[in-house]
Amino acid sequence: MPGLPPLGEPFPDVRRIAVLRGGGLGDLVFALPAIAALRASYPGASVTLLGSPVHRALLAGRPDVVDEVDVLPVVPGVGDASGTEVDDAATERFVERHRARCYDLAVQVHGGGRNSNPFLLRLGARHTIGTRTSDAVPLERTIPYVYYQHEVLRALEVVALAGAAPAAGAVLTPTPAELERGAELLGRSGPGGDGRPVVALHPGASDPRRRWSPDRFGHLAARLAHHGVRVVVVGEGEDVALADRIVAVARAREPRRASLVGSLAGQLSLSDLVGVLASVDAFVGNDSGPRHVAEAVGTATSSVFWFGNVINAGALGRTRHRVAMAFTTACPVCGVDITQVGWTAERCEHDASVVDAVTLDEVWGNTREVLDGVLAARGERVGRDLDGGTQVDSSYGLHV
């Protein structure tokens, strides 16, 4: 792959591999191509992910990805759980349990190594690879940690140290049960399905500053409904109120199409979410875990990003993906510079959106393009009698 270094010499006799990657959904998704590369290059080895509870939930029933997920203890900078105190005894038990497994290779793809490298070394693996900032302890083989690098490419560069080349194939494959459940939740199975395109919206993000206005999402949903597209809003926790606002705005804007806009926010398990995201025709959302999952399962995406995060987390391709970028460089409230590099950079206390400079027209245009592309690739041009009927012809897209 262009930009990646030559492959390192593979390690001999590797039977057990540990991969350290904590964090959220997106953090895991970014590591999956690297894990797949390890799987392909060391086909006889078992792979254990040292990750988070959400990683265990996402990978349940996917033995092709990893053999096991063990949830990290609360260790500053490694396994963090908000509001949970550090338990040194629990950490020691975790380390001893994994030392007893006698890993042949331990892989660190969790940040720059200040905290994660010392933790990885405690596992006692025969070989270690990972990233390293200038002040981090060394591993056997490392690459420099430079903040602005796409996380997928960074992880692939790490595993290249062990001779692992990128593998072909899907990043995350939905199970048949998830696809069936997704179609059921969207009403796309059985005689009740109306054949309309379906778009999922996700208005949330773990950092509130990365959230586009719910009112703009609502206007976008109204435009989609006006053109005969069904819209379903997804999310959890704080996203539920945002979803309710989106639905209310869209239905007020397009009352005759109100039935085309609905919400599943707060109603889905993680497995349900995977099924829904794999079953829709396109996804629209912020820089968030669900967006990264949507891309991983092969769904076309139209996203809203702060420009700096595009480097690390944006979609790499443009055939099925579009990214609308906000070039904000200062907090909209206090004016403090927000371009400091890295997750450890100090920030002000304000949560005002830094992506609201992205216009509705830009996101609409991007969404229209990816959805038209999806329909064209299937050989479909879906026409709509917007009063309720459905017809298929060769003249209608989302061009109007």
Protein backbone atom coordinates (compact mmCIF):
# COMPACT_ATOMS: atom_id res chain seq x y z
CA MET A 1 0.00 0.00 0.00
CA PRO A 2 1.45 3.44 -0.92
CA GLY A 3 2.85 5.28 2.09
CA LEU A 4 3.48 2.19 4.18
CA PRO A 5 7.07 1.07 4.83
CA PRO A 6 8.60 -2.20 3.62
CA LEU A 7 7.46 -5.16 5.66
CA GLY A 8 9.63 -6.16 8.59
CA GLU A 9 10.93 -9.65 9.08
CA PRO A 10 8.15 -11.91 10.43
CA PHE A 11 8.70 -13.28 13.90
CA PRO A 12 9.17 -17.07 14.05
CA ASP A 13 6.91 -19.52 15.86
CA VAL A 14 4.13 -17.08 16.75
CA ARG A 15 1.19 -18.95 18.25
CA ARG A 16 -0.32 -16.35 20.61
CA ILE A 17 -0.82 -12.65 19.83
CA ALA A 18 -2.14 -9.90 22.12
CA VAL A 19 -3.35 -6.59 20.66
CA LEU A 20 -3.71 -3.59 23.00
CA ARG A 21 -6.37 -1.12 21.86
CA GLY A 22 -8.74 0.50 24.34
CA GLY A 23 -11.24 3.28 23.70
CA GLY A 24 -14.53 3.45 21.87
CA LEU A 25 -16.15 2.00 18.78
CA GLY A 26 -14.15 4.08 16.33
CA ASP A 27 -10.87 3.23 18.03
CA LEU A 28 -11.55 -0.46 17.48
CA VAL A 29 -12.75 -0.01 13.90
CA PHE A 30 -9.50 1.77 13.04
CA ALA A 31 -7.52 -1.19 14.39
CA LEU A 32 -9.50 -3.89 12.58
CA PRO A 33 -7.53 -3.80 9.28
CA ALA A 34 -4.31 -4.22 11.26
CA ILE A 35 -5.78 -7.13 13.20
CA ALA A 36 -6.89 -8.70 9.91
CA ALA A 37 -3.34 -8.30 8.59
CA LEU A 38 -1.98 -10.13 11.63
CA ARG A 39 -4.56 -12.88 11.14
CA ALA A 40 -3.54 -13.35 7.51
CA SER A 41 0.19 -13.23 8.19
CA TYR A 42 0.09 -15.51 11.24
CA PRO A 43 -2.80 -17.84 10.32
CA GLY A 44 -2.07 -20.38 13.02
CA ALA A 45 -1.95 -17.88 15.88
CA SER A 46 -4.72 -17.04 18.32
CA VAL A 47 -5.44 -13.31 18.70
CA THR A 48 -6.60 -11.75 21.96
CA LEU A 49 -7.79 -8.13 21.99
CA LEU A 50 -7.17 -6.23 25.20
CA GLY A 51 -9.92 -3.69 24.84
CA SER A 52 -13.07 -2.16 26.28
CA PRO A 53 -16.58 -3.43 27.07
CA VAL A 54 -17.96 -1.96 23.84
CA HIS A 55 -15.29 -3.86 21.90
CA ARG A 56 -16.36 -7.11 23.51
CA ALA A 57 -19.97 -6.35 22.61
CA LEU A 58 -19.19 -5.48 18.99
CA LEU A 59 -17.02 -8.55 18.40
CA ALA A 60 -19.32 -11.04 20.12
CA GLY A 61 -20.12 -13.78 17.61
CA ARG A 62 -17.25 -12.77 15.28
CA PRO A 63 -14.52 -15.36 15.92
CA ASP A 64 -13.03 -14.56 12.52
CA VAL A 65 -11.90 -11.17 13.88
CA VAL A 66 -10.33 -12.18 17.20
CA ASP A 67 -10.45 -15.28 19.36
CA GLU A 68 -11.12 -13.36 22.55
CA VAL A 69 -11.71 -9.89 23.94
CA ASP A 70 -10.54 -9.27 27.50
CA VAL A 71 -11.65 -5.98 29.03
CA LEU A 72 -8.80 -3.82 30.28
CA PRO A 73 -8.68 -2.79 33.92
CA VAL A 74 -8.80 0.90 34.80
CA VAL A 75 -5.26 2.06 34.08
CA PRO A 76 -4.63 5.77 33.41
CA GLY A 77 -3.97 6.30 29.73
CA VAL A 78 -4.70 2.67 28.86
CA GLY A 79 -8.02 1.38 30.16
CA ASP A 80 -10.06 4.37 31.25
CA ALA A 81 -13.58 4.28 32.66
CA SER A 82 -15.13 7.59 33.65
CA GLY A 83 -15.95 7.71 37.34
CA THR A 84 -14.21 4.40 38.08
CA GLU A 85 -11.32 4.33 40.52
CA VAL A 86 -8.02 2.65 39.75
CA ASP A 87 -7.86 -0.81 41.33
CA ASP A 88 -4.21 -1.82 41.54
CA ALA A 89 -5.09 -5.33 42.71
CA ALA A 90 -7.41 -5.86 39.72
CA THR A 91 -4.71 -4.59 37.39
CA GLU A 92 -2.16 -6.96 38.88
CA ARG A 93 -4.55 -9.90 38.48
CA PHE A 94 -5.14 -8.93 34.85
CA VAL A 95 -1.41 -8.69 34.14
CA GLU A 96 -0.61 -11.99 35.84
CA ARG A 97 -3.39 -13.75 33.94
CA HIS A 98 -1.98 -12.58 30.64
CA ARG A 99 1.65 -13.18 31.58
CA ALA A 100 0.65 -16.79 32.16
CA ARG A 101 -0.44 -17.04 28.52
CA CYS A 102 3.15 -16.53 27.34
CA TYR A 103 2.33 -14.37 24.32
CA ASP A 104 4.73 -14.66 21.43
CA LEU A 105 3.82 -11.21 20.11
CA ALA A 106 2.21 -8.21 21.84
CA VAL A 107 1.06 -5.31 19.66
CA GLN A 108 0.44 -1.78 20.94
CA VAL A 109 -1.87 0.36 18.77
CA HIS A 110 -3.13 2.50 21.66
CA GLY A 111 -1.74 6.02 21.44
CA GLY A 112 1.89 7.08 21.59
CA GLY A 113 3.13 4.65 24.21
CA ARG A 114 3.73 6.88 27.24
CA ASN A 115 1.30 4.77 29.26
CA SER A 116 0.57 1.88 26.92
CA ASN A 117 4.15 0.72 26.28
CA PRO A 118 5.00 0.14 29.96
CA PHE A 119 1.69 -1.70 30.36
CA LEU A 120 2.38 -3.86 27.29
CA LEU A 121 5.83 -4.77 28.55
CA ARG A 122 4.33 -6.02 31.80
CA LEU A 123 2.64 -8.81 29.82
CA GLY A 124 6.03 -10.44 29.22
CA ALA A 125 5.56 -11.21 25.52
CA ARG A 126 8.49 -12.68 23.61
CA HIS A 127 8.26 -9.91 20.97
CA THR A 128 6.70 -6.43 21.18
CA ILE A 129 5.82 -3.83 18.54
CA GLY A 130 4.00 -0.51 18.62
CA THR A 131 4.18 3.26 18.42
CA ARG A 132 6.50 5.47 20.42
CA THR A 133 6.69 9.15 21.25
CA SER A 134 10.12 10.53 22.08
CA ASP A 135 9.44 10.22 25.83
CA ALA A 136 7.92 6.70 25.75
CA VAL A 137 9.80 3.56 26.73
CA PRO A 138 10.93 1.52 23.72
CA LEU A 139 9.53 -1.76 22.50
CA GLU A 140 11.41 -4.29 20.40
CA ARG A 141 10.25 -2.64 17.18
CA THR A 142 8.49 0.73 16.99
CA ILE A 143 7.38 3.44 14.61
CA PRO A 144 7.44 7.13 15.60
CA TYR A 145 4.11 8.38 16.93
CA VAL A 146 3.25 11.55 15.02
CA TYR A 147 -0.21 12.74 15.95
CA TYR A 148 -1.46 13.71 12.50
CA GLN A 149 -1.64 10.34 10.75
CA HIS A 150 -4.73 8.38 9.81
CA GLU A 151 -5.36 5.85 12.56
CA VAL A 152 -5.96 2.98 10.13
CA LEU A 153 -2.65 3.64 8.39
CA ARG A 154 -0.86 4.07 11.70
CA ALA A 155 -2.02 0.65 12.93
CA LEU A 156 -1.12 -0.95 9.59
CA GLU A 157 2.33 0.61 9.82
CA VAL A 158 2.73 -0.93 13.28
CA VAL A 159 1.85 -4.46 12.21
CA ALA A 160 4.08 -4.09 9.14
CA LEU A 161 6.92 -4.19 11.67
CA ALA A 162 5.98 -7.84 12.19
CA GLY A 163 5.79 -8.57 8.47
CA ALA A 164 1.99 -8.28 8.30
CA ALA A 165 0.68 -6.90 5.01
CA PRO A 166 -2.80 -5.38 4.57
CA ALA A 167 -5.37 -8.09 3.92
CA ALA A 168 -8.23 -7.97 1.44
CA GLY A 169 -11.82 -8.30 2.55
CA ALA A 170 -14.48 -6.48 4.55
CA VAL A 171 -13.45 -4.61 7.69
CA LEU A 172 -16.49 -5.79 9.67
CA THR A 173 -18.91 -8.40 8.37
CA PRO A 174 -22.46 -8.34 9.76
CA THR A 175 -23.82 -11.71 10.80
CA PRO A 176 -26.86 -13.14 8.98
CA ALA A 177 -28.88 -12.58 12.16
CA GLU A 178 -27.84 -8.91 12.25
CA LEU A 179 -28.82 -8.40 8.62
CA GLU A 180 -32.17 -10.05 9.22
CA ARG A 181 -32.76 -7.94 12.31
CA GLY A 182 -31.69 -4.75 10.52
CA ALA A 183 -34.12 -5.38 7.67
CA GLU A 184 -36.86 -6.12 10.19
CA LEU A 185 -36.24 -2.92 12.16
CA LEU A 186 -36.25 -0.87 8.97
CA GLY A 187 -39.36 -2.55 7.61
CA ARG A 188 -37.44 -3.75 4.57
CA SER A 189 -38.34 -7.41 4.95
CA GLY A 190 -41.61 -9.03 4.01
CA PRO A 191 -44.51 -7.65 1.99
CA GLY A 192 -44.67 -4.41 4.00
CA GLY A 193 -41.49 -2.97 2.53
CA ASP A 194 -42.11 -0.10 0.11
CA GLY A 195 -38.80 -0.27 -1.79
CA ARG A 196 -37.80 3.29 -0.92
CA PRO A 197 -34.14 4.14 -0.29
CA VAL A 198 -33.37 4.44 3.43
CA VAL A 199 -30.82 6.77 5.02
CA ALA A 200 -29.66 6.59 8.65
CA LEU A 201 -28.80 9.79 10.51
CA HIS A 202 -26.67 9.89 13.65
CA PRO A 203 -26.49 13.32 15.35
CA GLY A 204 -24.17 12.40 18.23
CA ALA A 205 -20.45 12.41 18.98
CA SER A 206 -18.53 11.71 22.16
CA ASP A 207 -17.12 15.25 22.03
CA PRO A 208 -20.04 17.72 21.84
CA ARG A 209 -17.90 20.09 19.80
CA ARG A 210 -18.02 17.59 16.92
CA ARG A 211 -21.84 17.70 16.71
CA TRP A 212 -23.59 19.41 13.82
CA SER A 213 -26.81 21.22 14.71
CA PRO A 214 -29.81 18.90 15.17
CA ASP A 215 -31.97 21.50 13.41
CA ARG A 216 -29.79 21.19 10.32
CA PHE A 217 -30.05 17.41 10.52
CA GLY A 218 -33.80 17.96 10.71
CA HIS A 219 -33.82 20.10 7.57
CA LEU A 220 -31.66 17.50 5.83
CA ALA A 221 -34.12 14.78 6.82
CA ALA A 222 -36.94 16.91 5.43
CA ARG A 223 -35.17 17.29 2.09
CA LEU A 224 -34.58 13.55 1.89
CA ALA A 225 -38.21 12.83 2.73
CA HIS A 226 -39.34 15.37 0.13
CA HIS A 227 -37.51 13.28 -2.47
CA GLY A 228 -39.10 10.06 -1.32
CA VAL A 229 -36.28 8.78 0.88
CA ARG A 230 -37.03 7.19 4.24
CA VAL A 231 -34.96 8.52 7.15
CA VAL A 232 -34.23 6.74 10.43
CA VAL A 233 -32.33 8.46 13.25
CA VAL A 234 -30.09 6.28 15.43
CA GLY A 235 -28.16 6.88 18.64
CA GLU A 236 -28.17 6.34 22.37
CA GLY A 237 -28.03 8.33 25.59
CA GLU A 238 -27.90 12.05 24.84
CA ASP A 239 -28.61 11.28 21.19
CA VAL A 240 -32.25 10.41 21.98
CA ALA A 241 -33.21 14.04 22.63
CA LEU A 242 -31.31 15.12 19.53
CA ALA A 243 -33.15 12.48 17.50
CA ASP A 244 -36.51 13.68 18.79
CA ARG A 245 -35.63 17.22 17.74
CA ILE A 246 -34.57 16.07 14.28
CA VAL A 247 -37.81 14.18 13.74
CA ALA A 248 -39.88 17.13 14.97
CA VAL A 249 -38.10 19.61 12.68
CA ALA A 250 -38.34 17.32 9.65
CA ARG A 251 -42.02 16.56 10.14
CA ALA A 252 -42.84 20.23 10.64
CA ARG A 253 -40.92 21.08 7.49
CA GLU A 254 -42.49 18.30 5.38
CA PRO A 255 -45.81 17.42 7.04
CA ARG A 256 -47.03 15.47 4.00
CA ARG A 257 -43.96 13.23 4.26
CA ALA A 258 -43.96 12.95 8.06
CA SER A 259 -44.32 9.18 7.96
CA LEU A 260 -40.98 8.89 6.14
CA VAL A 261 -38.98 10.22 9.10
CA GLY A 262 -38.66 8.24 12.33
CA SER A 263 -36.30 7.43 15.17
CA LEU A 264 -34.78 4.24 16.57
CA ALA A 265 -32.56 6.19 18.97
CA GLY A 266 -32.34 4.54 22.37
CA GLN A 267 -33.99 1.37 21.08
CA LEU A 268 -31.07 -0.58 19.59
CA SER A 269 -28.53 -2.98 20.98
CA LEU A 270 -25.06 -2.73 19.46
CA SER A 271 -25.80 -5.80 17.36
CA ASP A 272 -29.07 -4.18 16.21
CA LEU A 273 -27.14 -1.04 15.26
CA VAL A 274 -24.72 -3.04 13.13
CA GLY A 275 -27.66 -4.67 11.35
CA VAL A 276 -29.40 -1.35 10.73
CA LEU A 277 -26.24 0.39 9.49
CA ALA A 278 -25.52 -2.51 7.14
CA SER A 279 -29.09 -2.47 5.81
CA VAL A 280 -29.55 1.22 4.99
CA ASP A 281 -28.54 2.69 1.65
CA ALA A 282 -26.46 5.51 3.14
CA PHE A 283 -25.44 7.04 6.46
CA VAL A 284 -25.17 10.71 7.44
CA GLY A 285 -23.51 11.78 10.66
CA ASN A 286 -20.72 13.38 12.61
CA ASP A 287 -17.25 12.05 13.38
CA SER A 288 -18.47 9.27 15.69
CA GLY A 289 -18.36 5.56 16.42
CA PRO A 290 -21.54 4.76 14.46
CA ARG A 291 -20.14 6.59 11.43
CA HIS A 292 -17.00 4.49 11.54
CA VAL A 293 -19.04 1.31 11.98
CA ALA A 294 -21.22 2.27 9.01
CA GLU A 295 -18.14 2.61 6.82
CA ALA A 296 -16.70 -0.63 8.20
CA VAL A 297 -19.79 -2.65 7.22
CA GLY A 298 -19.65 -1.21 3.70
CA THR A 299 -22.33 1.48 3.84
CA ALA A 300 -21.86 4.73 1.92
CA THR A 301 -21.40 7.75 4.20
CA SER A 302 -21.79 11.51 4.15
CA SER A 303 -20.05 13.02 7.17
CA VAL A 304 -19.49 16.29 9.01
CA PHE A 305 -15.96 16.71 10.43
CA TRP A 306 -13.73 19.28 12.01
CA PHE A 307 -10.91 19.55 9.47
CA GLY A 308 -8.12 18.37 11.78
CA ASN A 309 -9.95 15.14 12.59
CA VAL A 310 -10.30 14.27 8.90
CA ILE A 311 -6.57 13.54 8.84
CA ASN A 312 -6.85 10.98 11.63
CA ALA A 313 -10.35 9.58 11.20
CA GLY A 314 -12.00 10.62 7.93
CA ALA A 315 -13.01 8.21 5.19
CA LEU A 316 -10.06 7.57 2.88
CA GLY A 317 -12.09 6.95 -0.29
CA ARG A 318 -14.46 9.21 -2.20
CA THR A 319 -16.31 6.75 -4.44
CA ARG A 320 -18.77 5.93 -1.65
CA HIS A 321 -17.89 8.55 0.95
CA ARG A 322 -18.01 12.33 1.26
CA VAL A 323 -16.72 14.58 4.04
CA ALA A 324 -17.92 18.12 4.72
CA MET A 325 -15.27 19.98 6.73
CA ALA A 326 -15.43 22.90 9.14
CA PHE A 327 -12.25 24.98 9.19
CA THR A 328 -12.89 26.56 12.59
CA THR A 329 -9.65 27.33 14.45
CA ALA A 330 -10.95 29.00 17.63
CA CYS A 331 -13.61 28.27 20.24
CA PRO A 332 -16.81 30.07 19.15
CA VAL A 333 -17.37 31.22 22.76
CA CYS A 334 -14.01 32.37 24.12
CA GLY A 335 -11.81 32.43 21.04
CA VAL A 336 -9.10 30.13 22.40
CA ASP A 337 -7.02 28.33 19.78
CA ILE A 338 -8.39 24.79 19.23
CA THR A 339 -5.72 23.58 16.85
CA GLN A 340 -3.29 22.27 19.49
CA VAL A 341 -2.10 18.83 18.47
CA GLY A 342 -3.15 15.71 20.31
CA TRP A 343 -5.79 14.40 22.68
CA THR A 344 -3.78 15.62 25.69
CA ALA A 345 -3.81 19.25 24.56
CA GLU A 346 -5.56 21.55 27.01
CA ARG A 347 -9.01 22.79 26.00
CA CYS A 348 -11.40 25.39 27.30
CA GLU A 349 -14.56 24.46 29.18
CA HIS A 350 -16.92 25.29 26.32
CA ASP A 351 -18.74 22.61 24.33
CA ALA A 352 -20.00 24.85 21.52
CA SER A 353 -19.99 23.13 18.14
CA VAL A 354 -16.93 23.75 15.98
CA VAL A 355 -18.61 22.20 12.92
CA ASP A 356 -21.70 24.37 12.57
CA ALA A 357 -19.96 26.39 9.86
CA VAL A 358 -20.70 23.44 7.57
CA THR A 359 -23.75 24.39 5.55
CA LEU A 360 -26.91 22.41 4.98
CA ASP A 361 -26.45 22.73 1.22
CA GLU A 362 -22.99 21.15 1.37
CA VAL A 363 -24.15 18.15 3.37
CA TRP A 364 -27.24 17.80 1.19
CA GLY A 365 -25.09 17.84 -1.94
CA ASN A 366 -22.73 15.23 -0.53
CA THR A 367 -25.58 13.03 0.63
CA ARG A 368 -27.34 13.28 -2.70
CA GLU A 369 -24.16 12.26 -4.53
CA VAL A 370 -23.40 9.19 -2.41
CA LEU A 371 -27.01 8.02 -2.48
CA ASP A 372 -27.27 8.49 -6.23
CA GLY A 373 -24.03 6.52 -6.54
CA VAL A 374 -25.41 3.66 -4.46
CA LEU A 375 -28.57 3.46 -6.54
CA ALA A 376 -26.66 3.69 -9.82
CA ALA A 377 -24.27 0.91 -8.76
CA ARG A 378 -27.28 -1.32 -8.20
CA GLY A 379 -28.63 -0.43 -11.62
CA GLU A 380 -31.54 1.41 -10.06
CA ARG A 381 -32.95 4.85 -10.59
CA VAL A 382 -35.80 5.05 -8.15
CA GLY A 383 -38.71 7.27 -9.07
CA ARG A 384 -41.29 8.43 -6.58
CA ASP A 385 -44.90 9.37 -6.56
CA LEU A 386 -44.32 11.51 -3.48
CA ASP A 387 -47.91 11.19 -2.37
CA GLY A 388 -47.23 7.60 -1.45
CA GLY A 389 -46.73 5.35 -4.44
CA THR A 390 -43.49 3.93 -5.72
CA GLN A 391 -42.35 3.47 -9.28
CA VAL A 392 -39.07 2.45 -10.85
CA ASP A 393 -37.92 4.19 -14.00
CA SER A 394 -34.74 5.45 -15.64
CA SER A 395 -35.13 9.18 -15.14
CA TYR A 396 -35.37 9.91 -11.45
CA GLY A 397 -32.49 10.31 -9.05
CA LEU A 398 -31.87 12.82 -6.29
CA HIS A 399 -30.78 15.42 -8.81
CA VAL A 400 -33.73 17.76 -8.32
